[in-house]
Amino acid sequence: MIPKGAFLKVADNSGARLVQVIGTRFKAAYIGDVVKVAIKDARGGKVQAGQMRKAVIVEASKATMRPSGASFQFLRNACVLLNEKGAPVGNRLRSMLTYEFIKPRWKRLNLLGRRLF
């Protein structure tokens, strides 16, 4: 559960290090949700500090429940930056992807990442 104003680490090599959530579709975002973020810290690369981008949540420290009854959680909150078309900005992920990213919408993201469970 990631509310507005939360700070997230960036799990790709786009150049951004830290972002802040400035817009969500609902009150809070979960794994697989697209949010609007402001880049707070960037070191070279394809993005600069101060830009606004869309991002998809790939890790959340709050436990996530699956319909089968299983739950899992990560140690940090992290996201992957997206461009206007919905494709990842970076070309490598520093995070494992969960089963929720098998959907056809995240085809390009699946090619970059490794499967966790």
PDB file of N, CA and C in Angstrom:
ATOM      1  N   MET A   1       0.846  -1.169   0.000  1.00  0.00           N
ATOM      2  CA  MET A   1       0.000   0.000   0.000  1.00  0.00           C
ATOM      3  C   MET A   1       0.893   1.234   0.000  1.00  0.00           C
ATOM      4  N   ILE A   2       0.837   1.975  -1.071  1.00  0.00           N
ATOM      5  CA  ILE A   2       1.704   3.138  -1.228  1.00  0.00           C
ATOM      6  C   ILE A   2       0.828   4.368  -1.460  1.00  0.00           C
ATOM      7  N   PRO A   3       0.753   5.287  -0.488  1.00  0.00           N
ATOM      8  CA  PRO A   3      -0.115   6.460  -0.624  1.00  0.00           C
ATOM      9  C   PRO A   3       0.584   7.596  -1.373  1.00  0.00           C
ATOM     10  N   LYS A   4      -0.159   8.663  -1.647  1.00  0.00           N
ATOM     11  CA  LYS A   4       0.442   9.861  -2.225  1.00  0.00           C
ATOM     12  C   LYS A   4       1.475  10.410  -1.253  1.00  0.00           C
ATOM     13  N   GLY A   5       2.567  10.916  -1.791  1.00  0.00           N
ATOM     14  CA  GLY A   5       3.607  11.501  -0.967  1.00  0.00           C
ATOM     15  C   GLY A   5       4.688  10.520  -0.565  1.00  0.00           C
ATOM     16  N   ALA A   6       4.510   9.243  -0.831  1.00  0.00           N
ATOM     17  CA  ALA A   6       5.499   8.234  -0.455  1.00  0.00           C
ATOM     18  C   ALA A   6       6.725   8.332  -1.362  1.00  0.00           C
ATOM     19  N   PHE A   7       7.880   8.038  -0.796  1.00  0.00           N
ATOM     20  CA  PHE A   7       9.123   8.007  -1.557  1.00  0.00           C
ATOM     21  C   PHE A   7       9.424   6.572  -1.954  1.00  0.00           C
ATOM     22  N   LEU A   8       9.854   6.388  -3.212  1.00  0.00           N
ATOM     23  CA  LEU A   8      10.152   5.066  -3.751  1.00  0.00           C
ATOM     24  C   LEU A   8      11.555   5.028  -4.316  1.00  0.00           C
ATOM     25  N   LYS A   9      12.207   3.893  -4.210  1.00  0.00           N
ATOM     26  CA  LYS A   9      13.465   3.665  -4.913  1.00  0.00           C
ATOM     27  C   LYS A   9      13.124   3.309  -6.352  1.00  0.00           C
ATOM     28  N   VAL A  10      14.044   3.552  -7.254  1.00  0.00           N
ATOM     29  CA  VAL A  10      13.840   3.220  -8.662  1.00  0.00           C
ATOM     30  C   VAL A  10      14.630   1.955  -8.965  1.00  0.00           C
ATOM     31  N   ALA A  11      13.951   0.949  -9.518  1.00  0.00           N
ATOM     32  CA  ALA A  11      14.547  -0.372  -9.713  1.00  0.00           C
ATOM     33  C   ALA A  11      15.004  -0.606 -11.146  1.00  0.00           C
ATOM     34  N   ASP A  12      15.330   0.445 -11.875  1.00  0.00           N
ATOM     35  CA  ASP A  12      15.872   0.274 -13.221  1.00  0.00           C
ATOM     36  C   ASP A  12      17.098   1.171 -13.397  1.00  0.00           C
ATOM     37  N   ASN A  13      17.710   1.100 -14.567  1.00  0.00           N
ATOM     38  CA  ASN A  13      18.926   1.878 -14.795  1.00  0.00           C
ATOM     39  C   ASN A  13      18.658   3.126 -15.624  1.00  0.00           C
ATOM     40  N   SER A  14      17.552   3.796 -15.382  1.00  0.00           N
ATOM     41  CA  SER A  14      17.203   5.008 -16.117  1.00  0.00           C
ATOM     42  C   SER A  14      17.992   6.225 -15.637  1.00  0.00           C
ATOM     43  N   GLY A  15      18.631   6.144 -14.496  1.00  0.00           N
ATOM     44  CA  GLY A  15      19.394   7.260 -13.949  1.00  0.00           C
ATOM     45  C   GLY A  15      18.759   7.842 -12.707  1.00  0.00           C
ATOM     46  N   ALA A  16      17.478   7.649 -12.523  1.00  0.00           N
ATOM     47  CA  ALA A  16      16.793   8.149 -11.322  1.00  0.00           C
ATOM     48  C   ALA A  16      17.091   7.236 -10.142  1.00  0.00           C
ATOM     49  N   ARG A  17      17.195   7.820  -8.963  1.00  0.00           N
ATOM     50  CA  ARG A  17      17.450   7.045  -7.746  1.00  0.00           C
ATOM     51  C   ARG A  17      16.262   7.056  -6.801  1.00  0.00           C
ATOM     52  N   LEU A  18      15.616   8.207  -6.680  1.00  0.00           N
ATOM     53  CA  LEU A  18      14.540   8.389  -5.720  1.00  0.00           C
ATOM     54  C   LEU A  18      13.416   9.187  -6.365  1.00  0.00           C
ATOM     55  N   VAL A  19      12.178   8.725  -6.173  1.00  0.00           N
ATOM     56  CA  VAL A  19      11.013   9.428  -6.712  1.00  0.00           C
ATOM     57  C   VAL A  19       9.960   9.562  -5.614  1.00  0.00           C
ATOM     58  N   GLN A  20       9.044  10.511  -5.809  1.00  0.00           N
ATOM     59  CA  GLN A  20       7.950  10.713  -4.874  1.00  0.00           C
ATOM     60  C   GLN A  20       6.631  10.578  -5.624  1.00  0.00           C
ATOM     61  N   VAL A  21       5.696   9.829  -5.042  1.00  0.00           N
ATOM     62  CA  VAL A  21       4.395   9.619  -5.660  1.00  0.00           C
ATOM     63  C   VAL A  21       3.581  10.905  -5.537  1.00  0.00           C
ATOM     64  N   ILE A  22       3.080  11.414  -6.671  1.00  0.00           N
ATOM     65  CA  ILE A  22       2.275  12.631  -6.629  1.00  0.00           C
ATOM     66  C   ILE A  22       0.851  12.386  -7.098  1.00  0.00           C
ATOM     67  N   GLY A  23       0.582  11.212  -7.637  1.00  0.00           N
ATOM     68  CA  GLY A  23      -0.772  10.915  -8.088  1.00  0.00           C
ATOM     69  C   GLY A  23      -1.015   9.423  -8.189  1.00  0.00           C
ATOM     70  N   THR A  24      -2.147   8.984  -7.662  1.00  0.00           N
ATOM     71  CA  THR A  24      -2.566   7.596  -7.783  1.00  0.00           C
ATOM     72  C   THR A  24      -4.008   7.559  -8.247  1.00  0.00           C
ATOM     73  N   ARG A  25      -4.415   6.457  -8.757  1.00  0.00           N
ATOM     74  CA  ARG A  25      -5.784   6.327  -9.240  1.00  0.00           C
ATOM     75  C   ARG A  25      -6.760   6.219  -8.069  1.00  0.00           C
ATOM     76  N   PHE A  26      -6.338   5.533  -7.019  1.00  0.00           N
ATOM     77  CA  PHE A  26      -7.150   5.390  -5.820  1.00  0.00           C
ATOM     78  C   PHE A  26      -6.390   6.002  -4.652  1.00  0.00           C
ATOM     79  N   LYS A  27      -6.808   5.746  -3.423  1.00  0.00           N
ATOM     80  CA  LYS A  27      -6.128   6.321  -2.262  1.00  0.00           C
ATOM     81  C   LYS A  27      -4.718   5.777  -2.104  1.00  0.00           C
ATOM     82  N   ALA A  28      -4.514   4.525  -2.477  1.00  0.00           N
ATOM     83  CA  ALA A  28      -3.200   3.907  -2.333  1.00  0.00           C
ATOM     84  C   ALA A  28      -2.921   3.035  -3.553  1.00  0.00           C
ATOM     85  N   ALA A  29      -1.650   2.786  -3.827  1.00  0.00           N
ATOM     86  CA  ALA A  29      -1.235   1.958  -4.960  1.00  0.00           C
ATOM     87  C   ALA A  29      -0.645   0.650  -4.450  1.00  0.00           C
ATOM     88  N   TYR A  30      -0.796  -0.392  -5.240  1.00  0.00           N
ATOM     89  CA  TYR A  30      -0.285  -1.712  -4.901  1.00  0.00           C
ATOM     90  C   TYR A  30       0.597  -2.204  -6.038  1.00  0.00           C
ATOM     91  N   ILE A  31       1.160  -3.387  -5.908  1.00  0.00           N
ATOM     92  CA  ILE A  31       2.029  -3.949  -6.936  1.00  0.00           C
ATOM     93  C   ILE A  31       1.258  -4.071  -8.249  1.00  0.00           C
ATOM     94  N   GLY A  32       1.850  -3.563  -9.329  1.00  0.00           N
ATOM     95  CA  GLY A  32       1.231  -3.600 -10.640  1.00  0.00           C
ATOM     96  C   GLY A  32       0.457  -2.348 -10.998  1.00  0.00           C
ATOM     97  N   ASP A  33       0.280  -1.420 -10.062  1.00  0.00           N
ATOM     98  CA  ASP A  33      -0.456  -0.186 -10.335  1.00  0.00           C
ATOM     99  C   ASP A  33       0.473   0.872 -10.947  1.00  0.00           C
ATOM    100  N   VAL A  34      -0.090   1.680 -11.843  1.00  0.00           N
ATOM    101  CA  VAL A  34       0.654   2.775 -12.456  1.00  0.00           C
ATOM    102  C   VAL A  34       0.357   4.050 -11.677  1.00  0.00           C
ATOM    103  N   VAL A  35       1.413   4.771 -11.292  1.00  0.00           N
ATOM    104  CA  VAL A  35       1.281   6.013 -10.533  1.00  0.00           C
ATOM    105  C   VAL A  35       2.064   7.118 -11.240  1.00  0.00           C
ATOM    106  N   LYS A  36       1.758   8.355 -10.905  1.00  0.00           N
ATOM    107  CA  LYS A  36       2.514   9.499 -11.422  1.00  0.00           C
ATOM    108  C   LYS A  36       3.530   9.885 -10.359  1.00  0.00           C
ATOM    109  N   VAL A  37       4.780  10.081 -10.751  1.00  0.00           N
ATOM    110  CA  VAL A  37       5.855  10.363  -9.797  1.00  0.00           C
ATOM    111  C   VAL A  37       6.649  11.589 -10.225  1.00  0.00           C
ATOM    112  N   ALA A  38       7.278  12.223  -9.235  1.00  0.00           N
ATOM    113  CA  ALA A  38       8.219  13.317  -9.473  1.00  0.00           C
ATOM    114  C   ALA A  38       9.602  12.802  -9.110  1.00  0.00           C
ATOM    115  N   ILE A  39      10.555  12.996  -9.988  1.00  0.00           N
ATOM    116  CA  ILE A  39      11.907  12.506  -9.754  1.00  0.00           C
ATOM    117  C   ILE A  39      12.631  13.466  -8.823  1.00  0.00           C
ATOM    118  N   LYS A  40      13.093  12.966  -7.684  1.00  0.00           N
ATOM    119  CA  LYS A  40      13.744  13.794  -6.676  1.00  0.00           C
ATOM    120  C   LYS A  40      15.267  13.738  -6.768  1.00  0.00           C
ATOM    121  N   ASP A  41      15.799  12.585  -7.120  1.00  0.00           N
ATOM    122  CA  ASP A  41      17.257  12.431  -7.188  1.00  0.00           C
ATOM    123  C   ASP A  41      17.596  11.625  -8.436  1.00  0.00           C
ATOM    124  N   ALA A  42      18.485  12.168  -9.275  1.00  0.00           N
ATOM    125  CA  ALA A  42      18.904  11.479 -10.486  1.00  0.00           C
ATOM    126  C   ALA A  42      20.386  11.745 -10.707  1.00  0.00           C
ATOM    127  N   ARG A  43      21.063  10.752 -11.240  1.00  0.00           N
ATOM    128  CA  ARG A  43      22.496  10.869 -11.511  1.00  0.00           C
ATOM    129  C   ARG A  43      22.758  10.450 -12.941  1.00  0.00           C
ATOM    130  N   GLY A  44      22.772  11.415 -13.828  1.00  0.00           N
ATOM    131  CA  GLY A  44      23.015  11.129 -15.241  1.00  0.00           C
ATOM    132  C   GLY A  44      21.915  10.237 -15.799  1.00  0.00           C
ATOM    133  N   GLY A  45      22.076   9.796 -16.998  1.00  0.00           N
ATOM    134  CA  GLY A  45      21.108   8.876 -17.569  1.00  0.00           C
ATOM    135  C   GLY A  45      20.047   9.555 -18.402  1.00  0.00           C
ATOM    136  N   LYS A  46      18.903   8.914 -18.522  1.00  0.00           N
ATOM    137  CA  LYS A  46      17.860   9.352 -19.428  1.00  0.00           C
ATOM    138  C   LYS A  46      16.866  10.313 -18.797  1.00  0.00           C
ATOM    139  N   VAL A  47      16.902  10.474 -17.494  1.00  0.00           N
ATOM    140  CA  VAL A  47      15.966  11.374 -16.809  1.00  0.00           C
ATOM    141  C   VAL A  47      16.739  12.343 -15.922  1.00  0.00           C
ATOM    142  N   GLN A  48      16.071  13.424 -15.543  1.00  0.00           N
ATOM    143  CA  GLN A  48      16.693  14.432 -14.687  1.00  0.00           C
ATOM    144  C   GLN A  48      15.806  14.701 -13.491  1.00  0.00           C
ATOM    145  N   ALA A  49      16.392  15.199 -12.427  1.00  0.00           N
ATOM    146  CA  ALA A  49      15.623  15.561 -11.239  1.00  0.00           C
ATOM    147  C   ALA A  49      14.659  16.686 -11.585  1.00  0.00           C
ATOM    148  N   GLY A  50      13.456  16.604 -11.069  1.00  0.00           N
ATOM    149  CA  GLY A  50      12.447  17.610 -11.330  1.00  0.00           C
ATOM    150  C   GLY A  50      11.435  17.206 -12.390  1.00  0.00           C
ATOM    151  N   GLN A  51      11.717  16.179 -13.154  1.00  0.00           N
ATOM    152  CA  GLN A  51      10.778  15.722 -14.174  1.00  0.00           C
ATOM    153  C   GLN A  51       9.634  14.935 -13.543  1.00  0.00           C
ATOM    154  N   MET A  52       8.501  14.896 -14.234  1.00  0.00           N
ATOM    155  CA  MET A  52       7.380  14.060 -13.821  1.00  0.00           C
ATOM    156  C   MET A  52       7.227  12.933 -14.831  1.00  0.00           C
ATOM    157  N   ARG A  53       7.052  11.727 -14.337  1.00  0.00           N
ATOM    158  CA  ARG A  53       6.906  10.548 -15.187  1.00  0.00           C
ATOM    159  C   ARG A  53       5.840   9.630 -14.600  1.00  0.00           C
ATOM    160  N   LYS A  54       5.446   8.644 -15.384  1.00  0.00           N
ATOM    161  CA  LYS A  54       4.626   7.561 -14.867  1.00  0.00           C
ATOM    162  C   LYS A  54       5.551   6.440 -14.452  1.00  0.00           C
ATOM    163  N   ALA A  55       5.095   5.652 -13.479  1.00  0.00           N
ATOM    164  CA  ALA A  55       5.892   4.528 -13.001  1.00  0.00           C
ATOM    165  C   ALA A  55       4.957   3.398 -12.588  1.00  0.00           C
ATOM    166  N   VAL A  56       5.461   2.186 -12.634  1.00  0.00           N
ATOM    167  CA  VAL A  56       4.706   1.022 -12.173  1.00  0.00           C
ATOM    168  C   VAL A  56       5.372   0.496 -10.901  1.00  0.00           C
ATOM    169  N   ILE A  57       4.558   0.147  -9.921  1.00  0.00           N
ATOM    170  CA  ILE A  57       5.064  -0.365  -8.649  1.00  0.00           C
ATOM    171  C   ILE A  57       5.470  -1.822  -8.844  1.00  0.00           C
ATOM    172  N   VAL A  58       6.726  -2.170  -8.510  1.00  0.00           N
ATOM    173  CA  VAL A  58       7.194  -3.554  -8.628  1.00  0.00           C
ATOM    174  C   VAL A  58       7.503  -4.188  -7.277  1.00  0.00           C
ATOM    175  N   GLU A  59       7.720  -3.391  -6.237  1.00  0.00           N
ATOM    176  CA  GLU A  59       7.967  -3.910  -4.894  1.00  0.00           C
ATOM    177  C   GLU A  59       7.205  -3.063  -3.890  1.00  0.00           C
ATOM    178  N   ALA A  60       6.642  -3.706  -2.876  1.00  0.00           N
ATOM    179  CA  ALA A  60       5.939  -2.993  -1.816  1.00  0.00           C
ATOM    180  C   ALA A  60       6.233  -3.689  -0.488  1.00  0.00           C
ATOM    181  N   SER A  61       6.537  -2.906   0.530  1.00  0.00           N
ATOM    182  CA  SER A  61       6.865  -3.487   1.829  1.00  0.00           C
ATOM    183  C   SER A  61       5.634  -3.969   2.578  1.00  0.00           C
ATOM    184  N   LYS A  62       4.448  -3.547   2.160  1.00  0.00           N
ATOM    185  CA  LYS A  62       3.201  -4.040   2.743  1.00  0.00           C
ATOM    186  C   LYS A  62       2.886  -5.398   2.122  1.00  0.00           C
ATOM    187  N   ALA A  63       2.444  -6.349   2.924  1.00  0.00           N
ATOM    188  CA  ALA A  63       2.130  -7.687   2.434  1.00  0.00           C
ATOM    189  C   ALA A  63       1.038  -7.630   1.369  1.00  0.00           C
ATOM    190  N   THR A  64       1.237  -8.381   0.294  1.00  0.00           N
ATOM    191  CA  THR A  64       0.284  -8.457  -0.806  1.00  0.00           C
ATOM    192  C   THR A  64      -0.373  -9.829  -0.789  1.00  0.00           C
ATOM    193  N   MET A  65      -1.704  -9.844  -0.845  1.00  0.00           N
ATOM    194  CA  MET A  65      -2.445 -11.107  -0.830  1.00  0.00           C
ATOM    195  C   MET A  65      -2.793 -11.520  -2.256  1.00  0.00           C
ATOM    196  N   ARG A  66      -2.748 -12.827  -2.501  1.00  0.00           N
ATOM    197  CA  ARG A  66      -3.170 -13.381  -3.772  1.00  0.00           C
ATOM    198  C   ARG A  66      -4.504 -14.103  -3.590  1.00  0.00           C
ATOM    199  N   PRO A  67      -5.248 -14.309  -4.666  1.00  0.00           N
ATOM    200  CA  PRO A  67      -6.533 -15.002  -4.542  1.00  0.00           C
ATOM    201  C   PRO A  67      -6.406 -16.409  -3.961  1.00  0.00           C
ATOM    202  N   SER A  68      -5.240 -17.042  -4.111  1.00  0.00           N
ATOM    203  CA  SER A  68      -5.045 -18.390  -3.578  1.00  0.00           C
ATOM    204  C   SER A  68      -4.883 -18.396  -2.063  1.00  0.00           C
ATOM    205  N   GLY A  69      -4.720 -17.213  -1.455  1.00  0.00           N
ATOM    206  CA  GLY A  69      -4.546 -17.131  -0.011  1.00  0.00           C
ATOM    207  C   GLY A  69      -3.101 -16.882   0.407  1.00  0.00           C
ATOM    208  N   ALA A  70      -2.168 -16.986  -0.528  1.00  0.00           N
ATOM    209  CA  ALA A  70      -0.758 -16.758  -0.219  1.00  0.00           C
ATOM    210  C   ALA A  70      -0.495 -15.256  -0.099  1.00  0.00           C
ATOM    211  N   SER A  71       0.480 -14.898   0.701  1.00  0.00           N
ATOM    212  CA  SER A  71       0.878 -13.494   0.819  1.00  0.00           C
ATOM    213  C   SER A  71       2.390 -13.399   0.720  1.00  0.00           C
ATOM    214  N   PHE A  72       2.857 -12.244   0.278  1.00  0.00           N
ATOM    215  CA  PHE A  72       4.300 -12.003   0.176  1.00  0.00           C
ATOM    216  C   PHE A  72       4.550 -10.525   0.361  1.00  0.00           C
ATOM    217  N   GLN A  73       5.785 -10.191   0.704  1.00  0.00           N
ATOM    218  CA  GLN A  73       6.157  -8.789   0.852  1.00  0.00           C
ATOM    219  C   GLN A  73       7.638  -8.629   0.557  1.00  0.00           C
ATOM    220  N   PHE A  74       8.027  -7.398   0.247  1.00  0.00           N
ATOM    221  CA  PHE A  74       9.413  -7.064  -0.032  1.00  0.00           C
ATOM    222  C   PHE A  74       9.951  -6.205   1.115  1.00  0.00           C
ATOM    223  N   LEU A  75      11.231  -5.923   1.099  1.00  0.00           N
ATOM    224  CA  LEU A  75      11.849  -5.122   2.153  1.00  0.00           C
ATOM    225  C   LEU A  75      11.807  -3.631   1.854  1.00  0.00           C
ATOM    226  N   ARG A  76      11.464  -3.249   0.627  1.00  0.00           N
ATOM    227  CA  ARG A  76      11.445  -1.831   0.260  1.00  0.00           C
ATOM    228  C   ARG A  76      10.300  -1.570  -0.702  1.00  0.00           C
ATOM    229  N   ASN A  77      10.031  -0.303  -0.931  1.00  0.00           N
ATOM    230  CA  ASN A  77       9.070   0.123  -1.947  1.00  0.00           C
ATOM    231  C   ASN A  77       9.862   0.557  -3.172  1.00  0.00           C
ATOM    232  N   ALA A  78       9.551  -0.002  -4.334  1.00  0.00           N
ATOM    233  CA  ALA A  78      10.311   0.322  -5.539  1.00  0.00           C
ATOM    234  C   ALA A  78       9.393   0.384  -6.747  1.00  0.00           C
ATOM    235  N   CYS A  79       9.854   1.107  -7.763  1.00  0.00           N
ATOM    236  CA  CYS A  79       9.080   1.269  -8.990  1.00  0.00           C
ATOM    237  C   CYS A  79      10.008   1.241 -10.200  1.00  0.00           C
ATOM    238  N   VAL A  80       9.398   1.148 -11.378  1.00  0.00           N
ATOM    239  CA  VAL A  80      10.114   1.219 -12.653  1.00  0.00           C
ATOM    240  C   VAL A  80       9.492   2.357 -13.450  1.00  0.00           C
ATOM    241  N   LEU A  81      10.311   3.266 -13.953  1.00  0.00           N
ATOM    242  CA  LEU A  81       9.815   4.416 -14.711  1.00  0.00           C
ATOM    243  C   LEU A  81       9.353   4.000 -16.098  1.00  0.00           C
ATOM    244  N   LEU A  82       8.274   4.653 -16.566  1.00  0.00           N
ATOM    245  CA  LEU A  82       7.700   4.363 -17.874  1.00  0.00           C
ATOM    246  C   LEU A  82       7.729   5.613 -18.745  1.00  0.00           C
ATOM    247  N   ASN A  83       7.755   5.412 -20.062  1.00  0.00           N
ATOM    248  CA  ASN A  83       7.650   6.553 -20.974  1.00  0.00           C
ATOM    249  C   ASN A  83       6.177   6.796 -21.302  1.00  0.00           C
ATOM    250  N   GLU A  84       5.891   7.663 -22.275  1.00  0.00           N
ATOM    251  CA  GLU A  84       4.515   8.021 -22.600  1.00  0.00           C
ATOM    252  C   GLU A  84       3.721   6.841 -23.158  1.00  0.00           C
ATOM    253  N   LYS A  85       4.401   5.924 -23.826  1.00  0.00           N
ATOM    254  CA  LYS A  85       3.722   4.769 -24.428  1.00  0.00           C
ATOM    255  C   LYS A  85       3.543   3.610 -23.449  1.00  0.00           C
ATOM    256  N   GLY A  86       4.136   3.713 -22.269  1.00  0.00           N
ATOM    257  CA  GLY A  86       3.994   2.653 -21.273  1.00  0.00           C
ATOM    258  C   GLY A  86       5.131   1.651 -21.258  1.00  0.00           C
ATOM    259  N   ALA A  87       6.178   1.899 -22.025  1.00  0.00           N
ATOM    260  CA  ALA A  87       7.343   1.017 -22.038  1.00  0.00           C
ATOM    261  C   ALA A  87       8.354   1.502 -20.998  1.00  0.00           C
ATOM    262  N   PRO A  88       9.165   0.610 -20.445  1.00  0.00           N
ATOM    263  CA  PRO A  88      10.165   1.028 -19.452  1.00  0.00           C
ATOM    264  C   PRO A  88      11.202   1.974 -20.052  1.00  0.00           C
ATOM    265  N   VAL A  89      11.650   2.946 -19.249  1.00  0.00           N
ATOM    266  CA  VAL A  89      12.659   3.907 -19.698  1.00  0.00           C
ATOM    267  C   VAL A  89      14.033   3.249 -19.714  1.00  0.00           C
ATOM    268  N   GLY A  90      14.357   2.489 -18.683  1.00  0.00           N
ATOM    269  CA  GLY A  90      15.649   1.808 -18.599  1.00  0.00           C
ATOM    270  C   GLY A  90      15.649   0.532 -19.414  1.00  0.00           C
ATOM    271  N   ASN A  91      16.842  -0.074 -19.534  1.00  0.00           N
ATOM    272  CA  ASN A  91      16.933  -1.327 -20.269  1.00  0.00           C
ATOM    273  C   ASN A  91      17.425  -2.485 -19.397  1.00  0.00           C
ATOM    274  N   ARG A  92      17.442  -2.288 -18.086  1.00  0.00           N
ATOM    275  CA  ARG A  92      17.787  -3.363 -17.160  1.00  0.00           C
ATOM    276  C   ARG A  92      17.062  -3.126 -15.839  1.00  0.00           C
ATOM    277  N   LEU A  93      16.591  -4.194 -15.211  1.00  0.00           N
ATOM    278  CA  LEU A  93      15.912  -4.092 -13.926  1.00  0.00           C
ATOM    279  C   LEU A  93      16.802  -4.641 -12.820  1.00  0.00           C
ATOM    280  N   ARG A  94      16.753  -3.969 -11.673  1.00  0.00           N
ATOM    281  CA  ARG A  94      17.490  -4.438 -10.497  1.00  0.00           C
ATOM    282  C   ARG A  94      16.518  -5.033  -9.484  1.00  0.00           C
ATOM    283  N   SER A  95      15.455  -5.619  -9.970  1.00  0.00           N
ATOM    284  CA  SER A  95      14.418  -6.165  -9.106  1.00  0.00           C
ATOM    285  C   SER A  95      13.863  -7.427  -9.734  1.00  0.00           C
ATOM    286  N   MET A  96      13.327  -8.307  -8.902  1.00  0.00           N
ATOM    287  CA  MET A  96      12.655  -9.497  -9.386  1.00  0.00           C
ATOM    288  C   MET A  96      11.186  -9.159  -9.608  1.00  0.00           C
ATOM    289  N   LEU A  97      10.589  -9.723 -10.626  1.00  0.00           N
ATOM    290  CA  LEU A  97       9.182  -9.477 -10.919  1.00  0.00           C
ATOM    291  C   LEU A  97       8.326 -10.612 -10.378  1.00  0.00           C
ATOM    292  N   THR A  98       7.131 -10.267  -9.953  1.00  0.00           N
ATOM    293  CA  THR A  98       6.216 -11.260  -9.414  1.00  0.00           C
ATOM    294  C   THR A  98       5.265 -11.759 -10.498  1.00  0.00           C
ATOM    295  N   TYR A  99       4.421 -12.683 -10.117  1.00  0.00           N
ATOM    296  CA  TYR A  99       3.457 -13.306 -11.022  1.00  0.00           C
ATOM    297  C   TYR A  99       2.465 -12.301 -11.587  1.00  0.00           C
ATOM    298  N   GLU A 100       2.238 -11.194 -10.919  1.00  0.00           N
ATOM    299  CA  GLU A 100       1.278 -10.190 -11.371  1.00  0.00           C
ATOM    300  C   GLU A 100       1.686  -9.507 -12.678  1.00  0.00           C
ATOM    301  N   PHE A 101       2.922  -9.651 -13.098  1.00  0.00           N
ATOM    302  CA  PHE A 101       3.416  -8.998 -14.311  1.00  0.00           C
ATOM    303  C   PHE A 101       3.414  -9.919 -15.529  1.00  0.00           C
ATOM    304  N   ILE A 102       2.677 -11.030 -15.478  1.00  0.00           N
ATOM    305  CA  ILE A 102       2.582 -11.938 -16.626  1.00  0.00           C
ATOM    306  C   ILE A 102       1.632 -11.389 -17.687  1.00  0.00           C
ATOM    307  N   LYS A 103       0.779 -10.466 -17.329  1.00  0.00           N
ATOM    308  CA  LYS A 103      -0.229  -9.919 -18.241  1.00  0.00           C
ATOM    309  C   LYS A 103       0.415  -9.344 -19.505  1.00  0.00           C
ATOM    310  N   PRO A 104      -0.300  -9.385 -20.630  1.00  0.00           N
ATOM    311  CA  PRO A 104       0.253  -8.865 -21.887  1.00  0.00           C
ATOM    312  C   PRO A 104       0.637  -7.385 -21.829  1.00  0.00           C
ATOM    313  N   ARG A 105       0.009  -6.628 -20.939  1.00  0.00           N
ATOM    314  CA  ARG A 105       0.338  -5.203 -20.818  1.00  0.00           C
ATOM    315  C   ARG A 105       1.799  -4.994 -20.441  1.00  0.00           C
ATOM    316  N   TRP A 106       2.377  -5.905 -19.684  1.00  0.00           N
ATOM    317  CA  TRP A 106       3.746  -5.757 -19.193  1.00  0.00           C
ATOM    318  C   TRP A 106       4.722  -6.635 -19.960  1.00  0.00           C
ATOM    319  N   LYS A 107       4.465  -6.878 -21.236  1.00  0.00           N
ATOM    320  CA  LYS A 107       5.323  -7.738 -22.044  1.00  0.00           C
ATOM    321  C   LYS A 107       6.768  -7.224 -22.094  1.00  0.00           C
ATOM    322  N   ARG A 108       6.919  -5.940 -22.356  1.00  0.00           N
ATOM    323  CA  ARG A 108       8.271  -5.356 -22.453  1.00  0.00           C
ATOM    324  C   ARG A 108       8.988  -5.407 -21.106  1.00  0.00           C
ATOM    325  N   LEU A 109       8.255  -5.201 -20.021  1.00  0.00           N
ATOM    326  CA  LEU A 109       8.836  -5.260 -18.678  1.00  0.00           C
ATOM    327  C   LEU A 109       9.278  -6.684 -18.352  1.00  0.00           C
ATOM    328  N   ASN A 110       8.513  -7.677 -18.785  1.00  0.00           N
ATOM    329  CA  ASN A 110       8.867  -9.081 -18.545  1.00  0.00           C
ATOM    330  C   ASN A 110      10.164  -9.479 -19.249  1.00  0.00           C
ATOM    331  N   LEU A 111      10.400  -8.905 -20.412  1.00  0.00           N
ATOM    332  CA  LEU A 111      11.621  -9.235 -21.153  1.00  0.00           C
ATOM    333  C   LEU A 111      12.866  -8.714 -20.423  1.00  0.00           C
ATOM    334  N   LEU A 112      12.725  -7.638 -19.657  1.00  0.00           N
ATOM    335  CA  LEU A 112      13.865  -7.043 -18.957  1.00  0.00           C
ATOM    336  C   LEU A 112      14.137  -7.696 -17.605  1.00  0.00           C
ATOM    337  N   GLY A 113      13.113  -8.227 -16.974  1.00  0.00           N
ATOM    338  CA  GLY A 113      13.252  -8.690 -15.594  1.00  0.00           C
ATOM    339  C   GLY A 113      13.318 -10.201 -15.470  1.00  0.00           C
ATOM    340  N   ARG A 114      13.603 -10.634 -14.246  1.00  0.00           N
ATOM    341  CA  ARG A 114      13.623 -12.051 -13.913  1.00  0.00           C
ATOM    342  C   ARG A 114      12.388 -12.363 -13.083  1.00  0.00           C
ATOM    343  N   ARG A 115      11.932 -13.577 -13.127  1.00  0.00           N
ATOM    344  CA  ARG A 115      10.737 -13.990 -12.415  1.00  0.00           C
ATOM    345  C   ARG A 115      11.119 -14.430 -10.999  1.00  0.00           C
ATOM    346  N   LEU A 116      10.375 -13.951 -10.009  1.00  0.00           N
ATOM    347  CA  LEU A 116      10.614 -14.310  -8.611  1.00  0.00           C
ATOM    348  C   LEU A 116       9.771 -15.494  -8.223  1.00  0.00           C
ATOM    349  N   PHE A 117       8.479 -15.348  -8.227  1.00  0.00           N
ATOM    350  CA  PHE A 117       7.546 -16.429  -7.889  1.00  0.00           C
ATOM    351  C   PHE A 117       6.163 -16.070  -8.360  1.00  0.00           C
TER     352      PHE A 117
END
